[in-house]
């Protein structure tokens, strides 16, 4: 794995300690130990086996060599943007229907009070849903939540 991408394998194992499904992994650079050039790969992964404590022991990964298709910075930027869009769309699958409704309204700029009024629920319920959404999507604030939602095509 390219030195700038070394966090990816460790981040994947950490991620799959909490996540059980298959997921779009992203774009990264790697090379065979006998080669000098790095290539671009597009990857997907899934927890393959677990230890006795239920933690991920092994991941199974499918990586596709994208190097023949990546010969300009513009193509790379477009691929990275698409990668992020797909990754975020997959993350949204973990949300329940009501959480999607709330996320859509947050992405449209609605306040907690406006969301509560539109959905006929209390502002506290909206806040509870928002916190749950943020936890599931791994965002720490509303700005990141909106950014992720918009990158996934919501709002």
Protein backbone atom coordinates (compact mmCIF):
# COMPACT_ATOMS: atom_id res chain seq x y z
CA UNK A 1 0.00 0.00 0.00
CA UNK A 2 1.27 3.49 -0.85
CA UNK A 3 2.80 5.28 2.19
CA UNK A 4 0.10 7.96 2.06
CA UNK A 5 -2.61 5.27 2.08
CA UNK A 6 -1.18 3.07 4.86
CA UNK A 7 -4.06 3.92 7.21
CA UNK A 8 -6.57 2.17 4.92
CA UNK A 9 -5.97 -1.48 6.01
CA UNK A 10 -5.94 -0.56 9.70
CA UNK A 11 -9.01 1.68 9.32
CA UNK A 12 -10.81 -1.17 7.52
CA UNK A 13 -10.19 -3.67 10.31
CA UNK A 14 -11.28 -1.09 12.92
CA UNK A 15 -14.40 -0.25 10.89
CA UNK A 16 -15.44 -3.88 10.52
CA UNK A 17 -15.25 -4.44 14.29
CA UNK A 18 -18.53 -2.45 14.33
CA UNK A 19 -19.97 -3.17 10.86
CA UNK A 20 -21.16 -6.54 9.61
CA UNK A 21 -22.18 -6.01 6.00
CA UNK A 22 -20.30 -5.70 2.72
CA UNK A 23 -19.17 -2.21 1.93
CA UNK A 24 -17.66 -0.15 -0.83
CA UNK A 25 -14.11 0.33 0.40
CA UNK A 26 -12.76 3.15 -1.71
CA UNK A 27 -9.84 4.08 -3.89
CA UNK A 28 -6.22 3.45 -2.89
CA UNK A 29 -2.75 2.91 -4.33
CA UNK A 30 -0.73 -0.28 -4.01
CA UNK A 31 2.02 -2.22 -5.75
CA UNK A 32 3.37 -5.74 -5.81
CA UNK A 33 6.57 -6.07 -3.78
CA UNK A 34 8.51 -6.86 -6.97
CA UNK A 35 7.20 -3.82 -8.88
CA UNK A 36 8.33 -0.21 -8.66
CA UNK A 37 5.14 1.53 -9.82
CA UNK A 38 2.01 2.00 -7.72
CA UNK A 39 -1.37 1.31 -9.31
CA UNK A 40 -4.82 2.63 -8.42
CA UNK A 41 -7.32 0.12 -7.03
CA UNK A 42 -11.02 0.32 -6.29
CA UNK A 43 -12.00 -1.94 -3.41
CA UNK A 44 -14.87 -3.59 -1.57
CA UNK A 45 -14.61 -5.51 1.69
CA UNK A 46 -16.58 -7.69 4.12
CA UNK A 47 -15.76 -9.27 7.48
CA UNK A 48 -14.86 -12.86 6.55
CA UNK A 49 -14.20 -14.51 9.90
CA UNK A 50 -14.43 -13.52 13.54
CA UNK A 51 -12.57 -14.58 16.66
CA UNK A 52 -14.23 -16.16 19.72
CA UNK A 53 -14.92 -12.71 21.20
CA UNK A 54 -16.82 -11.67 18.05
CA UNK A 55 -14.12 -9.32 16.76
CA UNK A 56 -13.10 -9.34 13.11
CA UNK A 57 -10.27 -11.77 12.49
CA UNK A 58 -10.10 -11.58 8.69
CA UNK A 59 -11.51 -9.38 5.93
CA UNK A 60 -12.19 -10.50 2.40
CA UNK A 61 -11.45 -7.77 -0.10
CA UNK A 62 -12.13 -7.45 -3.79
CA UNK A 63 -9.88 -4.90 -5.46
CA UNK A 64 -10.04 -3.88 -9.11
CA UNK A 65 -6.99 -2.36 -10.82
CA UNK A 66 -8.13 1.03 -12.10
CA UNK A 67 -4.71 2.21 -13.33
CA UNK A 68 -5.46 1.80 -17.06
CA UNK A 69 -8.42 4.13 -16.54
CA UNK A 70 -6.55 6.71 -14.41
CA UNK A 71 -4.22 8.64 -16.65
CA UNK A 72 -5.17 12.22 -15.75
CA UNK A 73 -5.72 14.17 -12.56
CA UNK A 74 -9.21 15.06 -13.79
CA UNK A 75 -10.12 11.36 -14.07
CA UNK A 76 -8.71 10.72 -10.61
CA UNK A 77 -10.68 13.60 -9.09
CA UNK A 78 -13.86 12.35 -10.75
CA UNK A 79 -13.23 8.78 -9.51
CA UNK A 80 -12.58 10.00 -5.98
CA UNK A 81 -15.80 12.04 -6.04
CA UNK A 82 -17.78 9.02 -7.28
CA UNK A 83 -16.09 6.81 -4.67
CA UNK A 84 -17.15 9.18 -1.91
CA UNK A 85 -20.70 9.36 -3.28
CA UNK A 86 -21.03 5.55 -3.35
CA UNK A 87 -19.45 5.11 0.07
CA UNK A 88 -21.82 7.65 1.61
CA UNK A 89 -24.83 6.14 -0.16
CA UNK A 90 -23.93 2.76 1.34
CA UNK A 91 -23.62 4.34 4.77
CA UNK A 92 -27.14 5.72 4.40
CA UNK A 93 -28.45 2.16 4.07
CA UNK A 94 -27.86 1.75 7.81
CA UNK A 95 -30.51 4.40 8.52
CA UNK A 96 -34.17 3.70 9.25
CA UNK A 97 -36.92 5.35 7.18
CA UNK A 98 -37.61 8.04 9.79
CA UNK A 99 -33.90 8.82 10.09
CA UNK A 100 -33.70 9.31 6.30
CA UNK A 101 -36.68 11.70 6.48
CA UNK A 102 -34.97 13.70 9.20
CA UNK A 103 -31.62 13.72 7.38
CA UNK A 104 -33.32 14.98 4.21
CA UNK A 105 -34.87 17.87 6.15
CA UNK A 106 -31.58 18.66 7.89
CA UNK A 107 -29.87 18.75 4.49
CA UNK A 108 -32.55 21.17 3.25
CA UNK A 109 -31.61 23.51 6.11
CA UNK A 110 -34.61 22.91 8.38
CA UNK A 111 -34.19 23.62 12.07
CA UNK A 112 -35.00 21.08 14.77
CA UNK A 113 -38.25 22.93 15.48
CA UNK A 114 -39.25 22.96 11.78
CA UNK A 115 -38.51 19.25 11.43
CA UNK A 116 -40.56 18.48 14.55
CA UNK A 117 -43.52 20.46 13.20
CA UNK A 118 -43.37 18.86 9.73
CA UNK A 119 -43.13 15.31 11.08
CA UNK A 120 -45.50 15.82 14.04
CA UNK A 121 -42.88 14.78 16.61
CA UNK A 122 -41.22 16.60 19.49
CA UNK A 123 -37.99 18.58 19.09
CA UNK A 124 -36.39 16.18 21.60
CA UNK A 125 -37.29 13.24 19.34
CA UNK A 126 -35.71 15.05 16.37
CA UNK A 127 -32.54 15.62 18.42
CA UNK A 128 -32.45 11.97 19.47
CA UNK A 129 -32.80 10.86 15.83
CA UNK A 130 -30.10 13.33 14.73
CA UNK A 131 -27.68 11.98 17.34
CA UNK A 132 -28.44 8.43 16.22
CA UNK A 133 -27.89 9.39 12.57
CA UNK A 134 -24.59 11.06 13.41
CA UNK A 135 -23.42 8.00 15.34
CA UNK A 136 -24.33 5.62 12.50
CA UNK A 137 -22.68 7.81 9.87
CA UNK A 138 -19.65 8.69 11.97
CA UNK A 139 -20.09 12.46 11.89
CA UNK A 140 -19.33 14.70 14.84
CA UNK A 141 -21.38 17.76 13.92
CA UNK A 142 -24.31 18.87 11.76
CA UNK A 143 -22.07 20.45 9.12
CA UNK A 144 -20.33 17.10 8.51
CA UNK A 145 -23.71 15.36 8.54
CA UNK A 146 -25.08 17.73 5.87
CA UNK A 147 -21.90 17.39 3.80
CA UNK A 148 -22.10 13.57 3.90
CA UNK A 149 -25.82 13.65 3.04
CA UNK A 150 -25.29 15.99 0.10
CA UNK A 151 -22.34 13.95 -1.17
CA UNK A 152 -24.65 10.91 -1.12
CA UNK A 153 -27.31 12.77 -3.12
CA UNK A 154 -29.66 13.90 -0.32
CA UNK A 155 -30.88 17.48 -0.08
